[in-house]
Amino acid sequence: MQLGMIGLGRMGANMVRRLQKNGHKCVVYDRSADSVKQLEGEGATGATSLDDFVKKLQKPRAVWLMVPAAVVDASLHDLVGKLEKDDVVIDGGNSYYIDDIRRAKELSVKGIHYCDVGTSGGVWGLERGYCQMIGGETDVVKRSIRFFKTLAPGRGNVDRTPGRDQVPGTAEKVIFTAALPAPVTSSRWCTTASSTA
């Protein structure tokens, strides 16, 4: 699958590396041309501008924003006019959930989908994986699930809690469904490793 990543800081760049290592194709953009060139050298498709970035993505596009929460709205302002109906924007930062609900409503008017994916894992995420709290329309989350599974840590070598090791369904695969004000619905998918699973 192809994913576009905007924001190539320590986490964003390593997320691209983890995705590519597992067979995904990534188109990358950042204000720092050096960051783009670095990942181009590792197999990503680099973009020199947002217009170039959007043109290099297959439709329907999947765009992951890995930028500070304070600049998500500005990033969306610059990006959304270049996207089309049925494209998906994923905010991987830790935005305030009320802002995410607002953004989802604003984009839904244009036919663009929005997922909020609080992501943690820091610089160790490349090897260990990233914990994610995923919110969005159920069908859109399912459409993007291969990205989320690739980034998730899985069980790893965490010891199972005695007596729980035979129980089907673990904390690594928990699905919560919650209804938000129309027209936005949300599925909460928790992709984390837990020593209490």
N, C-alpha and C. Protein backbone atom coordinates (compact mmCIF):
# COMPACT_ATOMS: atom_id res chain seq x y z
N MET A 1 0.84 -1.19 0.00
CA MET A 1 0.00 0.00 0.00
C MET A 1 0.88 1.24 0.00
N GLN A 2 0.32 2.32 -0.50
CA GLN A 2 1.06 3.58 -0.55
C GLN A 2 0.53 4.56 0.48
N LEU A 3 1.45 5.23 1.15
CA LEU A 3 1.10 6.23 2.15
C LEU A 3 1.96 7.47 1.93
N GLY A 4 1.35 8.63 2.07
CA GLY A 4 2.10 9.87 2.03
C GLY A 4 2.34 10.35 3.45
N MET A 5 3.59 10.70 3.76
CA MET A 5 3.94 11.18 5.11
C MET A 5 4.42 12.62 5.02
N ILE A 6 3.75 13.49 5.77
CA ILE A 6 4.17 14.88 5.90
C ILE A 6 4.70 15.06 7.31
N GLY A 7 5.95 15.46 7.43
CA GLY A 7 6.59 15.62 8.73
C GLY A 7 7.59 14.50 8.94
N LEU A 8 8.87 14.82 8.74
CA LEU A 8 9.92 13.80 8.79
C LEU A 8 10.88 14.05 9.94
N GLY A 9 10.31 14.36 11.10
CA GLY A 9 11.13 14.45 12.30
C GLY A 9 11.56 13.06 12.72
N ARG A 10 12.03 12.92 13.94
CA ARG A 10 12.54 11.62 14.38
C ARG A 10 11.49 10.53 14.29
N MET A 11 10.26 10.82 14.73
CA MET A 11 9.22 9.79 14.66
C MET A 11 8.71 9.59 13.24
N GLY A 12 8.40 10.67 12.54
CA GLY A 12 7.87 10.55 11.19
C GLY A 12 8.81 9.80 10.26
N ALA A 13 10.09 10.13 10.32
CA ALA A 13 11.07 9.47 9.46
C ALA A 13 11.18 7.99 9.79
N ASN A 14 11.21 7.65 11.07
CA ASN A 14 11.31 6.25 11.45
C ASN A 14 10.03 5.47 11.15
N MET A 15 8.89 6.14 11.19
CA MET A 15 7.65 5.48 10.79
C MET A 15 7.70 5.11 9.31
N VAL A 16 8.23 6.02 8.49
CA VAL A 16 8.41 5.73 7.07
C VAL A 16 9.33 4.53 6.89
N ARG A 17 10.42 4.52 7.64
CA ARG A 17 11.36 3.40 7.53
C ARG A 17 10.70 2.07 7.90
N ARG A 18 9.91 2.09 8.97
CA ARG A 18 9.24 0.85 9.40
C ARG A 18 8.21 0.41 8.35
N LEU A 19 7.47 1.35 7.80
CA LEU A 19 6.49 1.02 6.77
C LEU A 19 7.17 0.44 5.54
N GLN A 20 8.25 1.07 5.09
CA GLN A 20 8.95 0.60 3.89
C GLN A 20 9.60 -0.76 4.12
N LYS A 21 10.13 -0.96 5.30
CA LYS A 21 10.75 -2.24 5.63
C LYS A 21 9.75 -3.38 5.51
N ASN A 22 8.49 -3.07 5.68
CA ASN A 22 7.43 -4.07 5.63
C ASN A 22 6.59 -4.00 4.36
N GLY A 23 7.16 -3.43 3.30
CA GLY A 23 6.55 -3.52 1.98
C GLY A 23 5.66 -2.39 1.52
N HIS A 24 5.45 -1.37 2.35
CA HIS A 24 4.64 -0.23 1.93
C HIS A 24 5.49 0.74 1.11
N LYS A 25 4.85 1.46 0.22
CA LYS A 25 5.51 2.50 -0.58
C LYS A 25 5.17 3.85 0.04
N CYS A 26 6.16 4.68 0.26
CA CYS A 26 5.92 5.97 0.92
C CYS A 26 6.36 7.14 0.05
N VAL A 27 5.50 8.15 0.01
CA VAL A 27 5.82 9.44 -0.60
C VAL A 27 6.01 10.38 0.58
N VAL A 28 7.12 11.13 0.58
CA VAL A 28 7.45 11.94 1.76
C VAL A 28 7.63 13.41 1.42
N TYR A 29 7.23 14.25 2.39
CA TYR A 29 7.40 15.69 2.24
C TYR A 29 7.69 16.31 3.61
N ASP A 30 8.58 17.27 3.60
CA ASP A 30 8.93 18.01 4.81
C ASP A 30 9.47 19.36 4.37
N ARG A 31 9.38 20.35 5.25
CA ARG A 31 9.96 21.66 4.94
C ARG A 31 11.47 21.56 4.77
N SER A 32 12.08 20.57 5.39
CA SER A 32 13.52 20.35 5.27
C SER A 32 13.81 19.46 4.07
N ALA A 33 14.40 20.05 3.03
CA ALA A 33 14.75 19.28 1.84
C ALA A 33 15.75 18.18 2.18
N ASP A 34 16.62 18.41 3.17
CA ASP A 34 17.60 17.40 3.57
C ASP A 34 16.92 16.15 4.13
N SER A 35 15.84 16.35 4.90
CA SER A 35 15.10 15.20 5.44
C SER A 35 14.46 14.38 4.33
N VAL A 36 13.94 15.07 3.32
CA VAL A 36 13.35 14.38 2.17
C VAL A 36 14.42 13.59 1.43
N LYS A 37 15.58 14.22 1.18
CA LYS A 37 16.67 13.56 0.46
C LYS A 37 17.16 12.33 1.20
N GLN A 38 17.24 12.43 2.52
CA GLN A 38 17.68 11.29 3.33
C GLN A 38 16.80 10.08 3.08
N LEU A 39 15.49 10.29 3.12
CA LEU A 39 14.56 9.16 2.93
C LEU A 39 14.47 8.72 1.48
N GLU A 40 14.70 9.64 0.56
CA GLU A 40 14.79 9.25 -0.85
C GLU A 40 15.92 8.25 -1.03
N GLY A 41 17.03 8.51 -0.35
CA GLY A 41 18.18 7.60 -0.42
C GLY A 41 17.90 6.24 0.18
N GLU A 42 16.82 6.15 0.95
CA GLU A 42 16.44 4.88 1.57
C GLU A 42 15.22 4.24 0.88
N GLY A 43 14.85 4.78 -0.29
CA GLY A 43 13.80 4.15 -1.08
C GLY A 43 12.46 4.85 -1.14
N ALA A 44 12.28 5.93 -0.37
CA ALA A 44 11.02 6.66 -0.42
C ALA A 44 10.97 7.53 -1.67
N THR A 45 9.78 7.92 -2.07
CA THR A 45 9.60 8.88 -3.16
C THR A 45 9.50 10.26 -2.54
N GLY A 46 10.43 11.13 -2.86
CA GLY A 46 10.45 12.46 -2.28
C GLY A 46 9.60 13.44 -3.07
N ALA A 47 9.11 14.44 -2.37
CA ALA A 47 8.32 15.51 -3.00
C ALA A 47 8.94 16.84 -2.64
N THR A 48 8.93 17.76 -3.60
CA THR A 48 9.55 19.08 -3.40
C THR A 48 8.56 20.13 -2.94
N SER A 49 7.26 19.82 -3.03
CA SER A 49 6.22 20.76 -2.62
C SER A 49 4.96 19.95 -2.30
N LEU A 50 3.97 20.60 -1.69
CA LEU A 50 2.71 19.90 -1.43
C LEU A 50 2.02 19.49 -2.73
N ASP A 51 2.09 20.35 -3.75
CA ASP A 51 1.49 20.00 -5.04
C ASP A 51 2.15 18.75 -5.61
N ASP A 52 3.47 18.71 -5.56
CA ASP A 52 4.23 17.56 -6.04
C ASP A 52 3.88 16.31 -5.22
N PHE A 53 3.78 16.49 -3.92
CA PHE A 53 3.43 15.41 -3.00
C PHE A 53 2.09 14.79 -3.37
N VAL A 54 1.07 15.61 -3.52
CA VAL A 54 -0.28 15.13 -3.82
C VAL A 54 -0.32 14.44 -5.18
N LYS A 55 0.40 14.97 -6.17
CA LYS A 55 0.42 14.37 -7.51
C LYS A 55 1.04 12.98 -7.52
N LYS A 56 1.97 12.73 -6.60
CA LYS A 56 2.67 11.45 -6.57
C LYS A 56 1.90 10.36 -5.82
N LEU A 57 0.78 10.72 -5.21
CA LEU A 57 -0.03 9.75 -4.46
C LEU A 57 -1.13 9.17 -5.32
N GLN A 58 -1.33 7.85 -5.21
CA GLN A 58 -2.41 7.18 -5.92
C GLN A 58 -3.74 7.49 -5.25
N LYS A 59 -4.79 7.57 -6.05
CA LYS A 59 -6.13 7.83 -5.53
C LYS A 59 -6.82 6.53 -5.16
N PRO A 60 -7.63 6.51 -4.12
CA PRO A 60 -7.79 7.57 -3.14
C PRO A 60 -6.54 7.67 -2.27
N ARG A 61 -6.14 8.88 -1.99
CA ARG A 61 -4.89 9.14 -1.28
C ARG A 61 -5.03 8.89 0.22
N ALA A 62 -3.92 8.46 0.81
CA ALA A 62 -3.81 8.35 2.26
C ALA A 62 -2.63 9.20 2.69
N VAL A 63 -2.91 10.26 3.47
CA VAL A 63 -1.89 11.21 3.90
C VAL A 63 -1.79 11.20 5.41
N TRP A 64 -0.61 10.95 5.93
CA TRP A 64 -0.37 10.94 7.37
C TRP A 64 0.37 12.22 7.74
N LEU A 65 -0.21 12.99 8.65
CA LEU A 65 0.45 14.19 9.17
C LEU A 65 1.18 13.82 10.46
N MET A 66 2.48 13.98 10.46
CA MET A 66 3.26 13.73 11.68
C MET A 66 3.94 15.04 12.05
N VAL A 67 3.10 15.99 12.40
CA VAL A 67 3.56 17.35 12.74
C VAL A 67 3.08 17.68 14.15
N PRO A 68 3.69 18.69 14.79
CA PRO A 68 3.23 19.08 16.13
C PRO A 68 1.75 19.47 16.12
N ALA A 69 1.06 19.17 17.22
CA ALA A 69 -0.37 19.46 17.32
C ALA A 69 -0.67 20.93 17.03
N ALA A 70 0.24 21.81 17.39
CA ALA A 70 0.01 23.25 17.22
C ALA A 70 -0.04 23.68 15.75
N VAL A 71 0.47 22.85 14.84
CA VAL A 71 0.47 23.25 13.42
C VAL A 71 -0.40 22.36 12.54
N VAL A 72 -1.21 21.50 13.15
CA VAL A 72 -2.07 20.63 12.35
C VAL A 72 -3.07 21.45 11.54
N ASP A 73 -3.73 22.42 12.15
CA ASP A 73 -4.72 23.21 11.41
C ASP A 73 -4.08 23.96 10.24
N ALA A 74 -2.91 24.54 10.46
CA ALA A 74 -2.21 25.24 9.37
C ALA A 74 -1.82 24.26 8.27
N SER A 75 -1.38 23.07 8.65
CA SER A 75 -1.01 22.06 7.66
C SER A 75 -2.22 21.62 6.86
N LEU A 76 -3.35 21.43 7.54
CA LEU A 76 -4.58 21.06 6.84
C LEU A 76 -5.03 22.17 5.90
N HIS A 77 -4.90 23.40 6.34
CA HIS A 77 -5.28 24.55 5.51
C HIS A 77 -4.52 24.52 4.18
N ASP A 78 -3.22 24.21 4.26
CA ASP A 78 -2.39 24.18 3.05
C ASP A 78 -2.66 22.95 2.19
N LEU A 79 -3.08 21.86 2.81
CA LEU A 79 -3.20 20.58 2.13
C LEU A 79 -4.57 20.31 1.54
N VAL A 80 -5.62 20.59 2.29
CA VAL A 80 -6.96 20.11 1.95
C VAL A 80 -7.45 20.57 0.58
N GLY A 81 -7.13 21.76 0.18
CA GLY A 81 -7.57 22.25 -1.13
C GLY A 81 -6.98 21.46 -2.29
N LYS A 82 -5.94 20.68 -2.03
CA LYS A 82 -5.28 19.88 -3.07
C LYS A 82 -5.80 18.44 -3.10
N LEU A 83 -6.59 18.08 -2.08
CA LEU A 83 -7.11 16.72 -1.99
C LEU A 83 -8.48 16.62 -2.65
N GLU A 84 -8.96 15.39 -2.79
CA GLU A 84 -10.23 15.14 -3.47
C GLU A 84 -11.11 14.24 -2.61
N LYS A 85 -12.35 14.13 -3.05
CA LYS A 85 -13.32 13.28 -2.35
C LYS A 85 -12.76 11.87 -2.19
N ASP A 86 -12.96 11.31 -1.00
CA ASP A 86 -12.57 9.95 -0.61
C ASP A 86 -11.11 9.81 -0.21
N ASP A 87 -10.33 10.90 -0.28
CA ASP A 87 -8.98 10.86 0.27
C ASP A 87 -9.07 10.81 1.80
N VAL A 88 -8.02 10.32 2.43
CA VAL A 88 -7.97 10.18 3.88
C VAL A 88 -6.80 10.98 4.44
N VAL A 89 -7.06 11.74 5.48
CA VAL A 89 -6.00 12.43 6.22
C VAL A 89 -5.93 11.79 7.60
N ILE A 90 -4.72 11.40 7.99
CA ILE A 90 -4.49 10.79 9.30
C ILE A 90 -3.60 11.73 10.10
N ASP A 91 -4.08 12.18 11.24
CA ASP A 91 -3.28 13.03 12.12
C ASP A 91 -2.63 12.13 13.16
N GLY A 92 -1.33 11.96 13.06
CA GLY A 92 -0.60 11.08 13.97
C GLY A 92 -0.11 11.74 15.23
N GLY A 93 -0.39 13.03 15.38
CA GLY A 93 0.04 13.72 16.59
C GLY A 93 -0.93 13.46 17.73
N ASN A 94 -0.71 14.12 18.81
CA ASN A 94 -1.59 13.94 19.97
C ASN A 94 -2.45 15.18 20.16
N SER A 95 -3.29 15.43 19.17
CA SER A 95 -4.18 16.58 19.19
C SER A 95 -5.27 16.41 20.24
N TYR A 96 -5.79 17.51 20.71
CA TYR A 96 -6.93 17.51 21.63
C TYR A 96 -8.13 16.93 20.88
N TYR A 97 -8.82 15.97 21.48
CA TYR A 97 -9.85 15.24 20.75
C TYR A 97 -10.98 16.14 20.24
N ILE A 98 -11.26 17.23 20.94
CA ILE A 98 -12.30 18.16 20.47
C ILE A 98 -11.88 18.77 19.13
N ASP A 99 -10.60 19.06 18.98
CA ASP A 99 -10.09 19.56 17.70
C ASP A 99 -10.25 18.51 16.61
N ASP A 100 -10.00 17.25 16.95
CA ASP A 100 -10.15 16.18 15.97
C ASP A 100 -11.60 16.03 15.51
N ILE A 101 -12.54 16.14 16.43
CA ILE A 101 -13.95 16.05 16.06
C ILE A 101 -14.31 17.19 15.11
N ARG A 102 -13.85 18.40 15.44
CA ARG A 102 -14.10 19.56 14.56
C ARG A 102 -13.50 19.34 13.18
N ARG A 103 -12.26 18.89 13.13
CA ARG A 103 -11.59 18.69 11.84
C ARG A 103 -12.31 17.64 11.01
N ALA A 104 -12.73 16.56 11.65
CA ALA A 104 -13.45 15.50 10.92
C ALA A 104 -14.73 16.05 10.30
N LYS A 105 -15.46 16.87 11.05
CA LYS A 105 -16.69 17.47 10.52
C LYS A 105 -16.39 18.40 9.35
N GLU A 106 -15.35 19.24 9.51
CA GLU A 106 -15.01 20.19 8.45
C GLU A 106 -14.60 19.47 7.17
N LEU A 107 -13.82 18.40 7.29
CA LEU A 107 -13.36 17.69 6.10
C LEU A 107 -14.48 16.85 5.48
N SER A 108 -15.40 16.36 6.30
CA SER A 108 -16.48 15.52 5.77
C SER A 108 -17.36 16.29 4.79
N VAL A 109 -17.47 17.59 4.99
CA VAL A 109 -18.24 18.43 4.06
C VAL A 109 -17.64 18.37 2.66
N LYS A 110 -16.32 18.19 2.57
CA LYS A 110 -15.62 18.11 1.29
C LYS A 110 -15.49 16.68 0.79
N GLY A 111 -16.02 15.72 1.57
CA GLY A 111 -15.92 14.32 1.19
C GLY A 111 -14.58 13.70 1.53
N ILE A 112 -13.79 14.40 2.34
CA ILE A 112 -12.47 13.90 2.75
C ILE A 112 -12.60 13.29 4.14
N HIS A 113 -12.00 12.15 4.34
CA HIS A 113 -12.07 11.43 5.61
C HIS A 113 -10.91 11.84 6.52
N TYR A 114 -11.15 11.74 7.82
CA TYR A 114 -10.15 12.14 8.81
C TYR A 114 -10.05 11.09 9.91
N CYS A 115 -8.85 10.66 10.19
CA CYS A 115 -8.60 9.75 11.31
C CYS A 115 -7.65 10.44 12.27
N ASP A 116 -7.94 10.35 13.56
CA ASP A 116 -6.98 10.84 14.55
C ASP A 116 -6.30 9.62 15.16
N VAL A 117 -4.99 9.63 15.14
CA VAL A 117 -4.21 8.48 15.60
C VAL A 117 -3.12 8.97 16.54
N GLY A 118 -3.46 9.07 17.82
CA GLY A 118 -2.45 9.42 18.80
C GLY A 118 -1.37 8.35 18.77
N THR A 119 -0.13 8.75 18.52
CA THR A 119 0.96 7.81 18.30
C THR A 119 2.08 8.06 19.29
N SER A 120 2.57 6.98 19.88
CA SER A 120 3.73 7.11 20.77
C SER A 120 4.70 5.98 20.46
N GLY A 121 5.93 6.19 20.82
CA GLY A 121 6.96 5.19 20.54
C GLY A 121 8.33 5.83 20.43
N GLY A 122 8.33 7.14 20.20
CA GLY A 122 9.60 7.86 20.17
C GLY A 122 10.59 7.29 19.18
N VAL A 123 11.86 7.49 19.45
CA VAL A 123 12.91 7.04 18.53
C VAL A 123 13.05 5.52 18.53
N TRP A 124 12.47 4.85 19.53
CA TRP A 124 12.56 3.39 19.59
C TRP A 124 11.49 2.71 18.75
N GLY A 125 10.55 3.47 18.23
CA GLY A 125 9.45 2.89 17.48
C GLY A 125 9.87 2.14 16.23
N LEU A 126 10.96 2.55 15.61
CA LEU A 126 11.41 1.88 14.39
C LEU A 126 11.58 0.38 14.65
N GLU A 127 12.21 0.03 15.75
CA GLU A 127 12.43 -1.38 16.06
C GLU A 127 11.31 -1.99 16.89
N ARG A 128 10.80 -1.24 17.86
CA ARG A 128 9.82 -1.80 18.79
C ARG A 128 8.38 -1.63 18.35
N GLY A 129 8.12 -0.69 17.45
CA GLY A 129 6.76 -0.42 17.02
C GLY A 129 6.16 0.75 17.78
N TYR A 130 5.01 1.21 17.32
CA TYR A 130 4.35 2.39 17.86
C TYR A 130 3.00 2.01 18.46
N CYS A 131 2.70 2.55 19.62
CA CYS A 131 1.38 2.40 20.21
C CYS A 131 0.48 3.47 19.62
N GLN A 132 -0.74 3.10 19.29
CA GLN A 132 -1.65 4.01 18.60
C GLN A 132 -3.04 3.93 19.22
N MET A 133 -3.70 5.07 19.31
CA MET A 133 -5.12 5.11 19.65
C MET A 133 -5.80 5.71 18.43
N ILE A 134 -6.55 4.90 17.73
CA ILE A 134 -7.04 5.25 16.40
C ILE A 134 -8.53 5.58 16.46
N GLY A 135 -8.89 6.74 15.95
CA GLY A 135 -10.29 7.14 15.88
C GLY A 135 -10.66 7.56 14.48
N GLY A 136 -11.82 7.13 14.01
CA GLY A 136 -12.27 7.51 12.67
C GLY A 136 -13.45 6.67 12.26
N GLU A 137 -13.96 6.92 11.06
CA GLU A 137 -15.06 6.14 10.53
C GLU A 137 -14.61 4.69 10.38
N THR A 138 -15.46 3.76 10.76
CA THR A 138 -15.09 2.35 10.77
C THR A 138 -14.53 1.89 9.43
N ASP A 139 -15.21 2.20 8.33
CA ASP A 139 -14.75 1.75 7.02
C ASP A 139 -13.40 2.35 6.66
N VAL A 140 -13.18 3.59 7.05
CA VAL A 140 -11.92 4.26 6.73
C VAL A 140 -10.78 3.68 7.56
N VAL A 141 -11.06 3.40 8.83
CA VAL A 141 -10.04 2.77 9.68
C VAL A 141 -9.68 1.40 9.10
N LYS A 142 -10.68 0.63 8.69
CA LYS A 142 -10.41 -0.68 8.12
C LYS A 142 -9.61 -0.57 6.83
N ARG A 143 -9.88 0.46 6.05
CA ARG A 143 -9.16 0.66 4.80
C ARG A 143 -7.68 0.95 5.05
N SER A 144 -7.38 1.54 6.18
CA SER A 144 -6.00 1.91 6.53
C SER A 144 -5.35 0.94 7.49
N ILE A 145 -6.02 -0.16 7.81
CA ILE A 145 -5.57 -1.03 8.89
C ILE A 145 -4.19 -1.63 8.64
N ARG A 146 -3.81 -1.83 7.39
CA ARG A 146 -2.49 -2.41 7.12
C ARG A 146 -1.36 -1.47 7.56
N PHE A 147 -1.58 -0.17 7.44
CA PHE A 147 -0.59 0.77 7.95
C PHE A 147 -0.47 0.64 9.46
N PHE A 148 -1.63 0.63 10.11
CA PHE A 148 -1.65 0.59 11.57
C PHE A 148 -1.01 -0.70 12.10
N LYS A 149 -1.31 -1.81 11.45
CA LYS A 149 -0.74 -3.08 11.89
C LYS A 149 0.77 -3.10 11.70
N THR A 150 1.24 -2.52 10.61
CA THR A 150 2.68 -2.48 10.37
C THR A 150 3.39 -1.64 11.42
N LEU A 151 2.76 -0.55 11.82
CA LEU A 151 3.39 0.34 12.81
C LEU A 151 3.26 -0.18 14.24
N ALA A 152 2.25 -1.01 14.50
CA ALA A 152 2.00 -1.49 15.86
C ALA A 152 3.11 -2.43 16.33
N PRO A 153 3.33 -2.48 17.63
CA PRO A 153 4.41 -3.32 18.15
C PRO A 153 4.09 -4.80 18.21
N GLY A 154 2.83 -5.16 18.32
CA GLY A 154 2.49 -6.56 18.50
C GLY A 154 2.89 -7.04 19.88
N ARG A 155 2.90 -8.32 20.07
CA ARG A 155 3.17 -8.88 21.40
C ARG A 155 4.64 -8.78 21.78
N GLY A 156 5.51 -8.93 20.80
CA GLY A 156 6.92 -8.92 21.13
C GLY A 156 7.26 -10.05 22.09
N ASN A 157 8.16 -9.79 23.02
CA ASN A 157 8.56 -10.83 23.97
C ASN A 157 8.03 -10.54 25.37
N VAL A 158 6.93 -9.78 25.43
CA VAL A 158 6.33 -9.48 26.73
C VAL A 158 5.71 -10.75 27.30
N ASP A 159 6.08 -11.09 28.52
CA ASP A 159 5.51 -12.27 29.16
C ASP A 159 4.01 -12.09 29.35
N ARG A 160 3.26 -13.17 29.13
CA ARG A 160 1.82 -13.14 29.33
C ARG A 160 1.53 -13.23 30.82
N THR A 161 0.45 -12.64 31.24
CA THR A 161 0.02 -12.75 32.63
C THR A 161 -0.41 -14.20 32.89
N PRO A 162 0.07 -14.82 33.99
CA PRO A 162 -0.31 -16.21 34.27
C PRO A 162 -1.83 -16.38 34.24
N GLY A 163 -2.26 -17.42 33.54
CA GLY A 163 -3.68 -17.71 33.44
C GLY A 163 -4.35 -17.02 32.27
N ARG A 164 -3.68 -16.03 31.66
CA ARG A 164 -4.27 -15.30 30.54
C ARG A 164 -3.67 -15.71 29.20
N ASP A 165 -2.63 -16.53 29.24
CA ASP A 165 -1.93 -16.83 28.00
C ASP A 165 -2.76 -17.68 27.03
N GLN A 166 -3.83 -18.31 27.51
CA GLN A 166 -4.69 -19.12 26.65
C GLN A 166 -5.99 -18.41 26.28
N VAL A 167 -6.19 -17.20 26.79
CA VAL A 167 -7.45 -16.49 26.55
C VAL A 167 -7.41 -15.84 25.17
N PRO A 168 -8.40 -16.15 24.31
CA PRO A 168 -8.42 -15.50 22.99
C PRO A 168 -8.75 -14.02 23.11
N GLY A 169 -8.21 -13.23 22.19
CA GLY A 169 -8.46 -11.79 22.22
C GLY A 169 -7.58 -11.15 23.26
N THR A 170 -6.61 -10.38 22.83
CA THR A 170 -5.65 -9.81 23.76
C THR A 170 -5.71 -8.29 23.73
N ALA A 171 -4.98 -7.68 24.61
CA ALA A 171 -4.96 -6.21 24.67
C ALA A 171 -4.33 -5.61 23.42
N GLU A 172 -3.61 -6.42 22.66
CA GLU A 172 -3.02 -5.91 21.42
C GLU A 172 -4.07 -5.73 20.32
N LYS A 173 -5.25 -6.31 20.51
CA LYS A 173 -6.29 -6.24 19.49
C LYS A 173 -7.61 -5.90 20.16
N VAL A 174 -7.73 -4.68 20.60
CA VAL A 174 -8.94 -4.25 21.28
C VAL A 174 -9.67 -3.26 20.40
N ILE A 175 -10.96 -3.45 20.23
CA ILE A 175 -11.75 -2.54 19.42
C ILE A 175 -12.86 -1.97 20.28
N PHE A 176 -12.90 -0.65 20.35
CA PHE A 176 -13.98 0.04 21.05
C PHE A 176 -14.75 0.82 20.00
N THR A 177 -16.04 0.84 20.08
CA THR A 177 -16.83 1.64 19.15
C THR A 177 -17.58 2.69 19.94
N ALA A 178 -17.51 3.92 19.46
CA ALA A 178 -18.21 5.01 20.12
C ALA A 178 -18.90 5.86 19.07
N ALA A 179 -20.03 6.39 19.40
CA ALA A 179 -20.75 7.27 18.48
C ALA A 179 -20.44 8.72 18.82
N LEU A 180 -20.14 9.47 17.80
CA LEU A 180 -19.92 10.90 17.94
C LEU A 180 -21.06 11.62 17.24
N PRO A 181 -21.20 12.92 17.45
CA PRO A 181 -22.29 13.65 16.79
C PRO A 181 -22.26 13.47 15.28
N ALA A 182 -23.41 13.25 14.67
CA ALA A 182 -23.50 13.08 13.22
C ALA A 182 -22.87 14.29 12.54
N PRO A 183 -22.23 14.12 11.37
CA PRO A 183 -22.16 12.88 10.60
C PRO A 183 -20.93 12.05 10.95
N VAL A 184 -20.25 12.35 12.00
CA VAL A 184 -19.01 11.65 12.31
C VAL A 184 -19.28 10.48 13.23
N THR A 185 -18.80 9.31 12.86
CA THR A 185 -18.82 8.16 13.74
C THR A 185 -17.37 7.77 13.98
N SER A 186 -17.12 7.02 15.01
CA SER A 186 -15.75 6.73 15.35
C SER A 186 -15.59 5.30 15.81
N SER A 187 -14.54 4.67 15.34
CA SER A 187 -14.12 3.39 15.90
C SER A 187 -12.83 3.65 16.63
N ARG A 188 -12.70 3.12 17.81
CA ARG A 188 -11.46 3.24 18.55
C ARG A 188 -10.73 1.91 18.49
N TRP A 189 -9.60 1.91 17.89
CA TRP A 189 -8.77 0.71 17.78
C TRP A 189 -7.53 0.97 18.59
N CYS A 190 -7.24 0.11 19.51
CA CYS A 190 -6.06 0.28 20.35
C CYS A 190 -5.03 -0.75 19.92
N THR A 191 -3.91 -0.32 19.39
CA THR A 191 -2.88 -1.25 18.95
C THR A 191 -1.66 -1.07 19.83
N THR A 192 -1.68 -1.73 20.96
CA THR A 192 -0.57 -1.60 21.90
C THR A 192 -0.16 -2.95 22.43
N ALA A 193 1.03 -3.00 22.94
CA ALA A 193 1.46 -4.20 23.65
C ALA A 193 1.24 -3.96 25.13
N SER A 194 0.87 -4.99 25.84
CA SER A 194 0.59 -4.82 27.25
C SER A 194 1.02 -6.03 28.04
N SER A 195 1.64 -5.80 29.17
CA SER A 195 2.07 -6.92 30.00
C SER A 195 0.89 -7.52 30.75
N THR A 196 -0.28 -6.90 30.65
CA THR A 196 -1.46 -7.44 31.36
C THR A 196 -2.38 -8.19 30.43
N ALA A 197 -1.95 -8.40 29.19
CA ALA A 197 -2.82 -9.08 28.22
C ALA A 197 -2.98 -10.55 28.58
